[in-house]
Amino acid sequence: MDKTAKILTFTTIDPAIDRATITAFRNDAHRCSYGETCPFEEASYLKWIERRVDRFPAGFVLVKEDGQPIGQLELQIVSIDDVEVGFINLIYLVPAYRGNEYGNLLTDYAETFFKSNGVESYQLRVSPFNARAIAFYEKSGFQKIKEVTQPHVLWCYMKTIGR
């Protein structure tokens, strides 16, 4: 059976229950971006997730196939230059699901979330060393808009979706 024919479910993250999964996914995402995992304060990350889940429960989700976590999204609405825009903090798939059109299913979910929150565009940041992610974003219609440093160099991408 074609993998993309499977039905994905998006379930709100519960930091207490999903702690091991979301910290493992976050570490792997960092390794993909920078070639190494980064030490981080797990308790602070879990508190941050908890606050974000309270505000955007449909935006902070585990992506599951057949009940098994295969990815994670962290989506929120932020104000940039006095304009409300969507922002992807994390779009993540486990390695076996990358390059199989699953990324499109995640961006479809993100766009539905952002449209339901009344924003016309959304942004994300990506390491210039993450060539695979950049190729996916550009193929998906994102435009590079600027470069920032915090503390690593990151490229900012934006996609306009309308309402």
C-alpha atoms as a PDB file:
ATOM      1  CA  MET A   1       0.000   0.000   0.000  1.00  0.00           C
ATOM      2  CA  ASP A   2       1.191   3.517  -0.832  1.00  0.00           C
ATOM      3  CA  LYS A   3       2.377   5.214   2.360  1.00  0.00           C
ATOM      4  CA  THR A   4       0.654   8.487   1.449  1.00  0.00           C
ATOM      5  CA  ALA A   5      -2.724   6.692   1.365  1.00  0.00           C
ATOM      6  CA  LYS A   6      -2.493   6.208   5.130  1.00  0.00           C
ATOM      7  CA  ILE A   7      -4.523   8.453   7.377  1.00  0.00           C
ATOM      8  CA  LEU A   8      -2.593  10.650   9.771  1.00  0.00           C
ATOM      9  CA  THR A   9      -3.962  11.901  13.051  1.00  0.00           C
ATOM     10  CA  PHE A  10      -2.886  15.117  14.740  1.00  0.00           C
ATOM     11  CA  THR A  11      -3.189  15.002  18.525  1.00  0.00           C
ATOM     12  CA  THR A  12      -2.500  17.844  20.930  1.00  0.00           C
ATOM     13  CA  ILE A  13       0.784  17.370  22.754  1.00  0.00           C
ATOM     14  CA  ASP A  14       0.553  16.521  26.436  1.00  0.00           C
ATOM     15  CA  PRO A  15       4.002  17.492  27.771  1.00  0.00           C
ATOM     16  CA  ALA A  16       3.745  15.147  30.750  1.00  0.00           C
ATOM     17  CA  ILE A  17       2.800  12.105  28.667  1.00  0.00           C
ATOM     18  CA  ASP A  18       4.716  12.937  25.462  1.00  0.00           C
ATOM     19  CA  ARG A  19       7.918  14.210  27.112  1.00  0.00           C
ATOM     20  CA  ALA A  20      10.249  11.503  25.790  1.00  0.00           C
ATOM     21  CA  THR A  21       8.870  11.699  22.252  1.00  0.00           C
ATOM     22  CA  ILE A  22       8.933  15.478  21.873  1.00  0.00           C
ATOM     23  CA  THR A  23      12.404  15.862  23.368  1.00  0.00           C
ATOM     24  CA  ALA A  24      13.739  13.101  21.087  1.00  0.00           C
ATOM     25  CA  PHE A  25      12.110  14.759  18.064  1.00  0.00           C
ATOM     26  CA  ARG A  26      13.497  18.166  19.050  1.00  0.00           C
ATOM     27  CA  ASN A  27      17.001  16.748  19.411  1.00  0.00           C
ATOM     28  CA  ASP A  28      16.826  14.986  16.043  1.00  0.00           C
ATOM     29  CA  ALA A  29      15.558  18.169  14.375  1.00  0.00           C
ATOM     30  CA  HIS A  30      18.535  20.040  15.797  1.00  0.00           C
ATOM     31  CA  ARG A  31      20.907  17.320  14.576  1.00  0.00           C
ATOM     32  CA  CYS A  32      19.403  17.590  11.069  1.00  0.00           C
ATOM     33  CA  SER A  33      19.907  21.352  11.111  1.00  0.00           C
ATOM     34  CA  TYR A  34      23.346  21.610  12.686  1.00  0.00           C
ATOM     35  CA  GLY A  35      24.889  18.136  12.517  1.00  0.00           C
ATOM     36  CA  GLU A  36      24.762  17.665  16.282  1.00  0.00           C
ATOM     37  CA  THR A  37      22.251  17.488  19.069  1.00  0.00           C
ATOM     38  CA  CYS A  38      22.224  20.440  21.371  1.00  0.00           C
ATOM     39  CA  PRO A  39      22.103  20.416  25.094  1.00  0.00           C
ATOM     40  CA  PHE A  40      18.961  22.163  26.207  1.00  0.00           C
ATOM     41  CA  GLU A  41      17.053  22.646  29.378  1.00  0.00           C
ATOM     42  CA  GLU A  42      14.349  20.004  29.063  1.00  0.00           C
ATOM     43  CA  ALA A  43      12.246  21.439  31.896  1.00  0.00           C
ATOM     44  CA  SER A  44      12.204  24.880  30.217  1.00  0.00           C
ATOM     45  CA  TYR A  45      11.252  23.353  26.858  1.00  0.00           C
ATOM     46  CA  LEU A  46       8.406  21.385  28.447  1.00  0.00           C
ATOM     47  CA  LYS A  47       7.137  24.520  30.254  1.00  0.00           C
ATOM     48  CA  TRP A  48       7.295  26.457  26.976  1.00  0.00           C
ATOM     49  CA  ILE A  49       5.369  23.683  25.193  1.00  0.00           C
ATOM     50  CA  GLU A  50       2.798  23.661  27.998  1.00  0.00           C
ATOM     51  CA  ARG A  51       2.217  27.427  27.639  1.00  0.00           C
ATOM     52  CA  ARG A  52       1.967  27.179  23.862  1.00  0.00           C
ATOM     53  CA  VAL A  53      -0.423  24.198  24.026  1.00  0.00           C
ATOM     54  CA  ASP A  54      -2.684  26.211  26.340  1.00  0.00           C
ATOM     55  CA  ARG A  55      -2.802  29.005  23.776  1.00  0.00           C
ATOM     56  CA  PHE A  56      -2.723  26.974  20.524  1.00  0.00           C
ATOM     57  CA  PRO A  57      -3.904  23.406  21.285  1.00  0.00           C
ATOM     58  CA  ALA A  58      -4.473  22.587  17.610  1.00  0.00           C
ATOM     59  CA  GLY A  59      -1.053  24.000  16.730  1.00  0.00           C
ATOM     60  CA  PHE A  60       1.148  21.943  19.030  1.00  0.00           C
ATOM     61  CA  VAL A  61       0.512  18.412  17.871  1.00  0.00           C
ATOM     62  CA  LEU A  62       2.058  15.006  17.468  1.00  0.00           C
ATOM     63  CA  VAL A  63       1.535  13.516  14.039  1.00  0.00           C
ATOM     64  CA  LYS A  64       0.582   9.850  14.239  1.00  0.00           C
ATOM     65  CA  GLU A  65       0.085   7.009  11.822  1.00  0.00           C
ATOM     66  CA  ASP A  66      -1.638   3.911  13.149  1.00  0.00           C
ATOM     67  CA  GLY A  67      -1.314   5.409  16.634  1.00  0.00           C
ATOM     68  CA  GLN A  68       2.482   5.736  16.449  1.00  0.00           C
ATOM     69  CA  PRO A  69       4.147   9.177  16.572  1.00  0.00           C
ATOM     70  CA  ILE A  70       5.913   9.903  13.281  1.00  0.00           C
ATOM     71  CA  GLY A  71       6.224  13.672  13.549  1.00  0.00           C
ATOM     72  CA  GLN A  72       5.513  16.885  15.356  1.00  0.00           C
ATOM     73  CA  LEU A  73       4.259  20.369  14.537  1.00  0.00           C
ATOM     74  CA  GLU A  74       4.650  23.521  16.613  1.00  0.00           C
ATOM     75  CA  LEU A  75       2.434  26.238  15.108  1.00  0.00           C
ATOM     76  CA  GLN A  76       1.457  29.589  16.535  1.00  0.00           C
ATOM     77  CA  ILE A  77       0.292  33.058  15.596  1.00  0.00           C
ATOM     78  CA  VAL A  78       2.771  35.877  16.219  1.00  0.00           C
ATOM     79  CA  SER A  79       3.025  39.581  15.479  1.00  0.00           C
ATOM     80  CA  ILE A  80       5.858  40.524  13.124  1.00  0.00           C
ATOM     81  CA  ASP A  81       6.147  44.213  12.212  1.00  0.00           C
ATOM     82  CA  ASP A  82       2.626  44.741  13.623  1.00  0.00           C
ATOM     83  CA  VAL A  83       1.137  42.083  11.331  1.00  0.00           C
ATOM     84  CA  GLU A  84      -0.332  38.834  12.617  1.00  0.00           C
ATOM     85  CA  VAL A  85       1.302  35.900  10.827  1.00  0.00           C
ATOM     86  CA  GLY A  86       1.525  32.180  11.325  1.00  0.00           C
ATOM     87  CA  PHE A  87       4.815  30.827  12.546  1.00  0.00           C
ATOM     88  CA  ILE A  88       6.168  27.285  12.431  1.00  0.00           C
ATOM     89  CA  ASN A  89       8.547  26.645  15.306  1.00  0.00           C
ATOM     90  CA  LEU A  90       8.988  23.010  14.338  1.00  0.00           C
ATOM     91  CA  ILE A  91       7.947  20.811  11.451  1.00  0.00           C
ATOM     92  CA  TYR A  92       9.376  17.356  12.018  1.00  0.00           C
ATOM     93  CA  LEU A  93       9.100  13.851  10.590  1.00  0.00           C
ATOM     94  CA  VAL A  94      11.034  10.782  11.662  1.00  0.00           C
ATOM     95  CA  PRO A  95      13.596   9.761   9.013  1.00  0.00           C
ATOM     96  CA  ALA A  96      11.559   6.900   7.500  1.00  0.00           C
ATOM     97  CA  TYR A  97       8.772   9.346   6.567  1.00  0.00           C
ATOM     98  CA  ARG A  98      10.870  12.074   4.964  1.00  0.00           C
ATOM     99  CA  GLY A  99      10.708  12.459   1.193  1.00  0.00           C
ATOM    100  CA  ASN A 100       7.471  10.453   0.889  1.00  0.00           C
ATOM    101  CA  GLU A 101       4.971  13.318   0.497  1.00  0.00           C
ATOM    102  CA  TYR A 102       4.286  13.290   4.238  1.00  0.00           C
ATOM    103  CA  GLY A 103       5.777  16.771   4.497  1.00  0.00           C
ATOM    104  CA  ASN A 104       2.986  18.005   2.227  1.00  0.00           C
ATOM    105  CA  LEU A 105       0.407  16.544   4.620  1.00  0.00           C
ATOM    106  CA  LEU A 106       2.039  18.462   7.473  1.00  0.00           C
ATOM    107  CA  THR A 107       2.093  21.751   5.555  1.00  0.00           C
ATOM    108  CA  ASP A 108      -1.547  21.161   4.528  1.00  0.00           C
ATOM    109  CA  TYR A 109      -2.442  20.806   8.205  1.00  0.00           C
ATOM    110  CA  ALA A 110      -0.422  23.937   9.038  1.00  0.00           C
ATOM    111  CA  GLU A 111      -2.143  25.981   6.333  1.00  0.00           C
ATOM    112  CA  THR A 112      -5.575  24.866   7.536  1.00  0.00           C
ATOM    113  CA  PHE A 113      -4.597  25.867  11.075  1.00  0.00           C
ATOM    114  CA  PHE A 114      -3.305  29.268   9.963  1.00  0.00           C
ATOM    115  CA  LYS A 115      -6.314  30.008   7.744  1.00  0.00           C
ATOM    116  CA  SER A 116      -8.666  29.093  10.595  1.00  0.00           C
ATOM    117  CA  ASN A 117      -6.811  31.677  12.684  1.00  0.00           C
ATOM    118  CA  GLY A 118      -7.294  34.375  10.051  1.00  0.00           C
ATOM    119  CA  VAL A 119      -3.716  34.877   8.888  1.00  0.00           C
ATOM    120  CA  GLU A 120      -2.710  35.316   5.260  1.00  0.00           C
ATOM    121  CA  SER A 121       0.890  34.136   5.479  1.00  0.00           C
ATOM    122  CA  TYR A 122       3.207  32.117   7.618  1.00  0.00           C
ATOM    123  CA  GLN A 123       6.902  31.956   8.283  1.00  0.00           C
ATOM    124  CA  LEU A 124       9.548  29.587   9.497  1.00  0.00           C
ATOM    125  CA  ARG A 125      13.282  29.596  10.046  1.00  0.00           C
ATOM    126  CA  VAL A 126      15.721  27.002   8.793  1.00  0.00           C
ATOM    127  CA  SER A 127      19.437  26.407   9.022  1.00  0.00           C
ATOM    128  CA  PRO A 128      21.222  27.090   5.718  1.00  0.00           C
ATOM    129  CA  PHE A 129      22.926  23.711   6.264  1.00  0.00           C
ATOM    130  CA  ASN A 130      19.618  21.812   6.124  1.00  0.00           C
ATOM    131  CA  ALA A 131      19.562  21.471   2.332  1.00  0.00           C
ATOM    132  CA  ARG A 132      16.839  18.831   2.311  1.00  0.00           C
ATOM    133  CA  ALA A 133      14.429  21.035   4.273  1.00  0.00           C
ATOM    134  CA  ILE A 134      15.234  24.086   2.155  1.00  0.00           C
ATOM    135  CA  ALA A 135      14.540  22.150  -1.050  1.00  0.00           C
ATOM    136  CA  PHE A 136      11.192  21.011   0.385  1.00  0.00           C
ATOM    137  CA  TYR A 137      10.201  24.525   1.466  1.00  0.00           C
ATOM    138  CA  GLU A 138      11.131  26.081  -1.869  1.00  0.00           C
ATOM    139  CA  LYS A 139       9.314  23.335  -3.794  1.00  0.00           C
ATOM    140  CA  SER A 140       6.282  24.024  -1.566  1.00  0.00           C
ATOM    141  CA  GLY A 141       6.183  27.709  -2.530  1.00  0.00           C
ATOM    142  CA  PHE A 142       8.076  29.349   0.332  1.00  0.00           C
ATOM    143  CA  GLN A 143      10.193  32.412  -0.435  1.00  0.00           C
ATOM    144  CA  LYS A 144      13.373  33.301   1.435  1.00  0.00           C
ATOM    145  CA  ILE A 145      12.858  36.750   2.957  1.00  0.00           C
ATOM    146  CA  LYS A 146      15.871  37.372   5.191  1.00  0.00           C
ATOM    147  CA  GLU A 147      18.687  35.976   7.276  1.00  0.00           C
ATOM    148  CA  VAL A 148      18.940  36.252  11.061  1.00  0.00           C
ATOM    149  CA  THR A 149      21.435  35.136  13.674  1.00  0.00           C
ATOM    150  CA  GLN A 150      20.166  33.786  17.005  1.00  0.00           C
ATOM    151  CA  PRO A 151      22.708  32.324  17.910  1.00  0.00           C
ATOM    152  CA  HIS A 152      23.047  30.299  14.684  1.00  0.00           C
ATOM    153  CA  VAL A 153      22.511  31.776  11.243  1.00  0.00           C
ATOM    154  CA  LEU A 154      18.980  31.011  10.093  1.00  0.00           C
ATOM    155  CA  TRP A 155      17.155  31.731   6.868  1.00  0.00           C
ATOM    156  CA  CYS A 156      13.611  33.058   7.205  1.00  0.00           C
ATOM    157  CA  TYR A 157      11.067  31.766   4.735  1.00  0.00           C
ATOM    158  CA  MET A 158       7.505  32.939   4.149  1.00  0.00           C
ATOM    159  CA  LYS A 159       4.519  31.558   2.283  1.00  0.00           C
ATOM    160  CA  THR A 160       1.376  33.491   1.430  1.00  0.00           C
ATOM    161  CA  ILE A 161      -1.829  31.466   1.687  1.00  0.00           C
ATOM    162  CA  GLY A 162      -4.660  34.016   1.684  1.00  0.00           C
ATOM    163  CA  ARG A 163      -7.665  33.607   3.946  1.00  0.00           C
END
